[in-house]
């Protein structure tokens, strides 16, 4: 398996810059799994119910939970969108909607 991870805009990178070095290391670990393993455990990746083609990368470190939204493009390309630190049980709808907007923007710009 050889997936490639790219970023749409600076959303993820801006968030990543604010994180602790140990959280960054955990994110890098999960990114390596995504790049190299065919079937990644659902502990790390899951589809967003009701939002076709949108998924989340799940990162847990100590008692903190982080989410990174993404989609696939042509099967082997993973496109990262916005991310956030989860503070409640439910994923905020505004974050999901932002990710869907970014996904639409990515595919629209790609066609140009």
N, C-alpha and C. Protein backbone atom coordinates (compact mmCIF):
# COMPACT_ATOMS: atom_id res chain seq x y z
N UNK A 1 0.86 -1.20 0.00
CA UNK A 1 0.00 0.00 0.00
C UNK A 1 0.88 1.23 0.00
N UNK A 2 0.52 2.17 -0.80
CA UNK A 2 1.30 3.39 -0.82
C UNK A 2 0.39 4.57 -1.09
N UNK A 3 -0.16 5.13 -0.02
CA UNK A 3 -1.01 6.31 -0.15
C UNK A 3 -0.15 7.56 0.02
N UNK A 4 -0.64 8.64 -0.52
CA UNK A 4 0.04 9.92 -0.37
C UNK A 4 -0.91 10.85 0.37
N UNK A 5 -0.37 11.63 1.30
CA UNK A 5 -1.18 12.59 2.05
C UNK A 5 -0.85 13.99 1.57
N UNK A 6 -1.90 14.75 1.22
CA UNK A 6 -1.71 16.15 0.85
C UNK A 6 -2.64 17.01 1.69
N UNK A 7 -2.39 18.32 1.66
CA UNK A 7 -3.19 19.26 2.45
C UNK A 7 -3.94 20.18 1.51
N UNK A 8 -5.21 20.39 1.79
CA UNK A 8 -5.99 21.38 1.05
C UNK A 8 -5.99 22.64 1.90
N UNK A 9 -5.32 23.66 1.45
CA UNK A 9 -5.20 24.91 2.20
C UNK A 9 -4.27 24.74 3.39
N UNK A 10 -4.29 25.69 4.28
CA UNK A 10 -3.40 25.70 5.45
C UNK A 10 -4.11 25.26 6.73
N UNK A 11 -5.35 24.82 6.60
CA UNK A 11 -6.18 24.54 7.79
C UNK A 11 -5.53 23.55 8.73
N UNK A 12 -5.12 22.40 8.20
CA UNK A 12 -4.50 21.40 9.06
C UNK A 12 -3.15 21.89 9.58
N UNK A 13 -2.34 22.46 8.71
CA UNK A 13 -0.99 22.89 9.09
C UNK A 13 -1.02 23.96 10.18
N UNK A 14 -1.99 24.88 10.10
CA UNK A 14 -2.13 25.91 11.13
C UNK A 14 -2.46 25.27 12.48
N UNK A 15 -3.35 24.29 12.46
CA UNK A 15 -3.73 23.58 13.68
C UNK A 15 -2.53 22.79 14.23
N UNK A 16 -1.86 22.07 13.35
CA UNK A 16 -0.71 21.23 13.71
C UNK A 16 0.38 22.06 14.40
N UNK A 17 0.59 23.28 13.93
CA UNK A 17 1.64 24.15 14.48
C UNK A 17 1.39 24.48 15.95
N UNK A 18 0.13 24.39 16.40
CA UNK A 18 -0.20 24.75 17.78
C UNK A 18 -0.04 23.58 18.76
N UNK A 19 0.23 22.39 18.24
CA UNK A 19 0.20 21.19 19.08
C UNK A 19 1.53 20.90 19.78
N UNK A 20 1.42 20.18 20.87
CA UNK A 20 2.56 19.68 21.64
C UNK A 20 3.35 18.68 20.79
N UNK A 21 4.65 18.60 21.00
CA UNK A 21 5.52 17.72 20.21
C UNK A 21 5.10 16.25 20.31
N UNK A 22 4.59 15.82 21.47
CA UNK A 22 4.17 14.42 21.63
C UNK A 22 2.89 14.12 20.84
N UNK A 23 2.01 15.11 20.75
CA UNK A 23 0.79 14.95 19.95
C UNK A 23 1.18 14.89 18.47
N UNK A 24 2.11 15.75 18.06
CA UNK A 24 2.60 15.74 16.68
C UNK A 24 3.19 14.38 16.33
N UNK A 25 3.92 13.80 17.26
CA UNK A 25 4.53 12.47 17.03
C UNK A 25 3.45 11.42 16.83
N UNK A 26 2.38 11.49 17.60
CA UNK A 26 1.28 10.53 17.46
C UNK A 26 0.58 10.70 16.11
N UNK A 27 0.38 11.94 15.70
CA UNK A 27 -0.22 12.22 14.39
C UNK A 27 0.67 11.66 13.28
N UNK A 28 1.97 11.86 13.39
CA UNK A 28 2.90 11.34 12.37
C UNK A 28 2.85 9.81 12.31
N UNK A 29 2.72 9.19 13.47
CA UNK A 29 2.60 7.73 13.54
C UNK A 29 1.36 7.26 12.76
N UNK A 30 0.22 7.90 13.01
CA UNK A 30 -1.01 7.53 12.32
C UNK A 30 -0.89 7.82 10.82
N UNK A 31 -0.25 8.92 10.45
CA UNK A 31 -0.03 9.21 9.02
C UNK A 31 0.78 8.10 8.36
N UNK A 32 1.78 7.58 9.04
CA UNK A 32 2.59 6.48 8.48
C UNK A 32 1.73 5.23 8.28
N UNK A 33 0.83 4.95 9.24
CA UNK A 33 -0.09 3.82 9.08
C UNK A 33 -0.95 4.01 7.82
N UNK A 34 -1.49 5.22 7.68
CA UNK A 34 -2.35 5.52 6.53
C UNK A 34 -1.59 5.31 5.22
N UNK A 35 -0.35 5.75 5.20
CA UNK A 35 0.45 5.63 3.98
C UNK A 35 0.79 4.19 3.64
N UNK A 36 0.99 3.36 4.65
CA UNK A 36 1.59 2.05 4.41
C UNK A 36 0.67 0.84 4.57
N UNK A 37 -0.41 0.95 5.33
CA UNK A 37 -1.23 -0.22 5.64
C UNK A 37 -2.53 -0.21 4.82
N UNK A 38 -2.87 -1.33 4.24
CA UNK A 38 -4.09 -1.46 3.42
C UNK A 38 -5.35 -1.19 4.24
N UNK A 39 -5.52 -1.93 5.34
CA UNK A 39 -6.73 -1.79 6.15
C UNK A 39 -6.36 -1.20 7.51
N UNK A 40 -6.61 0.08 7.65
CA UNK A 40 -6.27 0.78 8.88
C UNK A 40 -7.39 0.56 9.90
N UNK A 41 -7.04 0.24 11.15
CA UNK A 41 -8.07 -0.01 12.16
C UNK A 41 -9.01 1.19 12.34
N UNK A 42 -10.29 0.89 12.58
CA UNK A 42 -11.29 1.95 12.74
C UNK A 42 -11.02 2.81 13.97
N UNK A 43 -10.16 2.33 14.83
CA UNK A 43 -9.73 3.13 15.97
C UNK A 43 -9.09 4.43 15.48
N UNK A 44 -8.46 4.38 14.30
CA UNK A 44 -7.77 5.55 13.76
C UNK A 44 -8.53 6.28 12.66
N UNK A 45 -9.36 5.56 11.91
CA UNK A 45 -10.07 6.17 10.78
C UNK A 45 -11.53 5.74 10.79
N UNK A 46 -12.41 6.68 10.47
CA UNK A 46 -13.83 6.32 10.40
C UNK A 46 -14.56 7.26 9.45
N UNK A 47 -15.59 6.74 8.77
CA UNK A 47 -16.41 7.61 7.93
C UNK A 47 -17.30 8.49 8.80
N UNK A 48 -17.65 9.65 8.28
CA UNK A 48 -18.60 10.53 8.97
C UNK A 48 -19.99 10.17 8.46
N UNK A 49 -20.81 9.65 9.33
CA UNK A 49 -22.15 9.20 8.97
C UNK A 49 -22.99 10.35 8.43
N UNK A 50 -23.60 10.12 7.27
CA UNK A 50 -24.47 11.13 6.68
C UNK A 50 -23.76 12.14 5.80
N UNK A 51 -22.44 12.04 5.70
CA UNK A 51 -21.67 12.98 4.87
C UNK A 51 -20.81 12.15 3.92
N UNK A 52 -21.35 11.89 2.75
CA UNK A 52 -20.72 10.96 1.81
C UNK A 52 -19.30 11.39 1.43
N UNK A 53 -18.39 10.42 1.54
CA UNK A 53 -17.02 10.66 1.13
C UNK A 53 -16.17 11.42 2.12
N UNK A 54 -16.71 11.74 3.29
CA UNK A 54 -15.95 12.46 4.31
C UNK A 54 -15.60 11.49 5.44
N UNK A 55 -14.34 11.55 5.86
CA UNK A 55 -13.84 10.67 6.91
C UNK A 55 -13.11 11.49 7.96
N UNK A 56 -12.82 10.83 9.09
CA UNK A 56 -12.02 11.50 10.11
C UNK A 56 -10.89 10.60 10.56
N UNK A 57 -9.75 11.23 10.79
CA UNK A 57 -8.62 10.56 11.42
C UNK A 57 -8.78 10.83 12.91
N UNK A 58 -8.70 9.77 13.70
CA UNK A 58 -8.91 9.88 15.14
C UNK A 58 -7.56 9.74 15.85
N UNK A 59 -7.23 10.75 16.62
CA UNK A 59 -5.99 10.74 17.39
C UNK A 59 -6.35 10.92 18.85
N UNK A 60 -5.86 10.00 19.67
CA UNK A 60 -6.04 10.16 21.11
C UNK A 60 -4.66 10.21 21.74
N UNK A 61 -4.48 11.21 22.61
CA UNK A 61 -3.22 11.31 23.32
C UNK A 61 -3.52 11.76 24.73
N UNK A 62 -3.08 10.95 25.69
CA UNK A 62 -3.42 11.16 27.09
C UNK A 62 -4.94 11.27 27.18
N UNK A 63 -5.48 12.35 27.73
CA UNK A 63 -6.94 12.41 27.81
C UNK A 63 -7.51 13.33 26.73
N UNK A 64 -6.71 13.70 25.76
CA UNK A 64 -7.16 14.59 24.69
C UNK A 64 -7.50 13.81 23.42
N UNK A 65 -8.50 14.30 22.71
CA UNK A 65 -8.94 13.68 21.47
C UNK A 65 -8.86 14.72 20.35
N UNK A 66 -8.27 14.32 19.24
CA UNK A 66 -8.13 15.20 18.09
C UNK A 66 -8.78 14.54 16.88
N UNK A 67 -9.33 15.37 16.00
CA UNK A 67 -9.95 14.88 14.77
C UNK A 67 -9.39 15.66 13.59
N UNK A 68 -9.11 14.92 12.52
CA UNK A 68 -8.64 15.53 11.27
C UNK A 68 -9.56 15.01 10.17
N UNK A 69 -10.25 15.91 9.49
CA UNK A 69 -11.15 15.50 8.41
C UNK A 69 -10.37 15.31 7.12
N UNK A 70 -10.82 14.33 6.33
CA UNK A 70 -10.15 14.06 5.06
C UNK A 70 -11.10 13.37 4.09
N UNK A 71 -10.65 13.27 2.84
CA UNK A 71 -11.35 12.47 1.85
C UNK A 71 -10.29 11.77 1.01
N UNK A 72 -10.74 10.83 0.21
CA UNK A 72 -9.85 10.16 -0.73
C UNK A 72 -10.04 10.77 -2.10
N UNK A 73 -8.97 10.82 -2.86
CA UNK A 73 -9.03 11.25 -4.25
C UNK A 73 -8.29 10.19 -5.06
N UNK A 74 -8.97 9.60 -6.01
CA UNK A 74 -8.39 8.55 -6.86
C UNK A 74 -7.82 7.39 -6.04
N UNK A 75 -8.45 7.12 -4.91
CA UNK A 75 -8.09 5.94 -4.12
C UNK A 75 -6.85 6.02 -3.26
N UNK A 76 -5.75 6.51 -3.81
CA UNK A 76 -4.48 6.49 -3.07
C UNK A 76 -4.04 7.84 -2.52
N UNK A 77 -4.84 8.87 -2.82
CA UNK A 77 -4.50 10.20 -2.35
C UNK A 77 -5.42 10.57 -1.19
N UNK A 78 -4.83 10.95 -0.07
CA UNK A 78 -5.60 11.34 1.11
C UNK A 78 -5.48 12.86 1.22
N UNK A 79 -6.62 13.55 1.16
CA UNK A 79 -6.64 15.01 1.19
C UNK A 79 -7.12 15.48 2.56
N UNK A 80 -6.24 16.16 3.30
CA UNK A 80 -6.60 16.62 4.64
C UNK A 80 -7.24 18.00 4.60
N UNK A 81 -8.24 18.18 5.44
CA UNK A 81 -8.94 19.46 5.53
C UNK A 81 -8.70 20.06 6.91
N UNK A 82 -9.76 20.49 7.57
CA UNK A 82 -9.66 21.09 8.89
C UNK A 82 -9.50 20.03 9.98
N UNK A 83 -9.07 20.49 11.13
CA UNK A 83 -8.91 19.60 12.28
C UNK A 83 -9.17 20.40 13.55
N UNK A 84 -9.40 19.69 14.65
CA UNK A 84 -9.70 20.36 15.91
C UNK A 84 -9.48 19.41 17.06
N UNK A 85 -9.42 19.99 18.26
CA UNK A 85 -9.37 19.17 19.47
C UNK A 85 -10.79 18.99 19.95
N UNK A 86 -11.17 17.75 20.15
CA UNK A 86 -12.55 17.42 20.53
C UNK A 86 -12.73 17.62 22.03
N UNK A 87 -13.73 18.39 22.40
CA UNK A 87 -13.95 18.67 23.82
C UNK A 87 -15.25 18.07 24.34
N UNK A 88 -16.10 17.60 23.41
CA UNK A 88 -17.36 16.99 23.82
C UNK A 88 -17.49 15.63 23.14
N UNK A 89 -18.48 14.87 23.52
CA UNK A 89 -18.70 13.54 22.96
C UNK A 89 -19.04 13.62 21.47
N UNK A 90 -19.83 14.62 21.12
CA UNK A 90 -20.32 14.76 19.75
C UNK A 90 -19.38 15.66 18.94
N UNK A 91 -19.13 15.28 17.70
CA UNK A 91 -18.32 16.11 16.81
C UNK A 91 -19.15 17.34 16.42
N UNK A 92 -18.62 18.55 16.63
CA UNK A 92 -19.39 19.76 16.30
C UNK A 92 -19.80 19.79 14.82
N UNK A 93 -21.07 20.06 14.60
CA UNK A 93 -21.63 20.09 13.24
C UNK A 93 -20.92 21.13 12.38
N UNK A 94 -20.55 22.26 12.98
CA UNK A 94 -19.90 23.32 12.20
C UNK A 94 -18.54 22.86 11.67
N UNK A 95 -17.86 22.00 12.41
CA UNK A 95 -16.57 21.46 11.92
C UNK A 95 -16.79 20.51 10.75
N UNK A 96 -17.84 19.68 10.84
CA UNK A 96 -18.16 18.75 9.75
C UNK A 96 -18.56 19.53 8.51
N UNK A 97 -19.40 20.55 8.70
CA UNK A 97 -19.85 21.36 7.56
C UNK A 97 -18.69 22.10 6.91
N UNK A 98 -17.76 22.58 7.73
CA UNK A 98 -16.57 23.24 7.19
C UNK A 98 -15.76 22.25 6.34
N UNK A 99 -15.62 21.03 6.83
CA UNK A 99 -14.87 20.00 6.10
C UNK A 99 -15.56 19.69 4.76
N UNK A 100 -16.88 19.62 4.77
CA UNK A 100 -17.62 19.35 3.52
C UNK A 100 -17.43 20.50 2.54
N UNK A 101 -17.45 21.74 3.03
CA UNK A 101 -17.19 22.90 2.17
C UNK A 101 -15.81 22.82 1.55
N UNK A 102 -14.82 22.47 2.37
CA UNK A 102 -13.44 22.37 1.89
C UNK A 102 -13.29 21.24 0.87
N UNK A 103 -13.99 20.14 1.12
CA UNK A 103 -13.96 19.01 0.18
C UNK A 103 -14.52 19.44 -1.18
N UNK A 104 -15.67 20.12 -1.16
CA UNK A 104 -16.27 20.60 -2.42
C UNK A 104 -15.34 21.58 -3.12
N UNK A 105 -14.74 22.46 -2.35
CA UNK A 105 -13.79 23.44 -2.89
C UNK A 105 -12.59 22.74 -3.54
N UNK A 106 -12.07 21.71 -2.88
CA UNK A 106 -10.93 20.96 -3.40
C UNK A 106 -11.25 20.36 -4.77
N UNK A 107 -12.38 19.66 -4.87
CA UNK A 107 -12.73 19.01 -6.15
C UNK A 107 -13.09 20.02 -7.23
N UNK A 108 -13.70 21.15 -6.83
CA UNK A 108 -14.03 22.20 -7.80
C UNK A 108 -12.73 22.80 -8.37
N UNK A 109 -11.79 23.14 -7.48
CA UNK A 109 -10.53 23.73 -7.91
C UNK A 109 -9.69 22.75 -8.75
N UNK A 110 -9.82 21.49 -8.45
CA UNK A 110 -9.07 20.46 -9.16
C UNK A 110 -9.49 20.38 -10.63
N UNK A 111 -10.76 20.64 -10.88
CA UNK A 111 -11.28 20.58 -12.25
C UNK A 111 -10.86 21.77 -13.09
N UNK A 112 -10.50 22.87 -12.45
CA UNK A 112 -10.13 24.09 -13.19
C UNK A 112 -8.84 23.93 -13.96
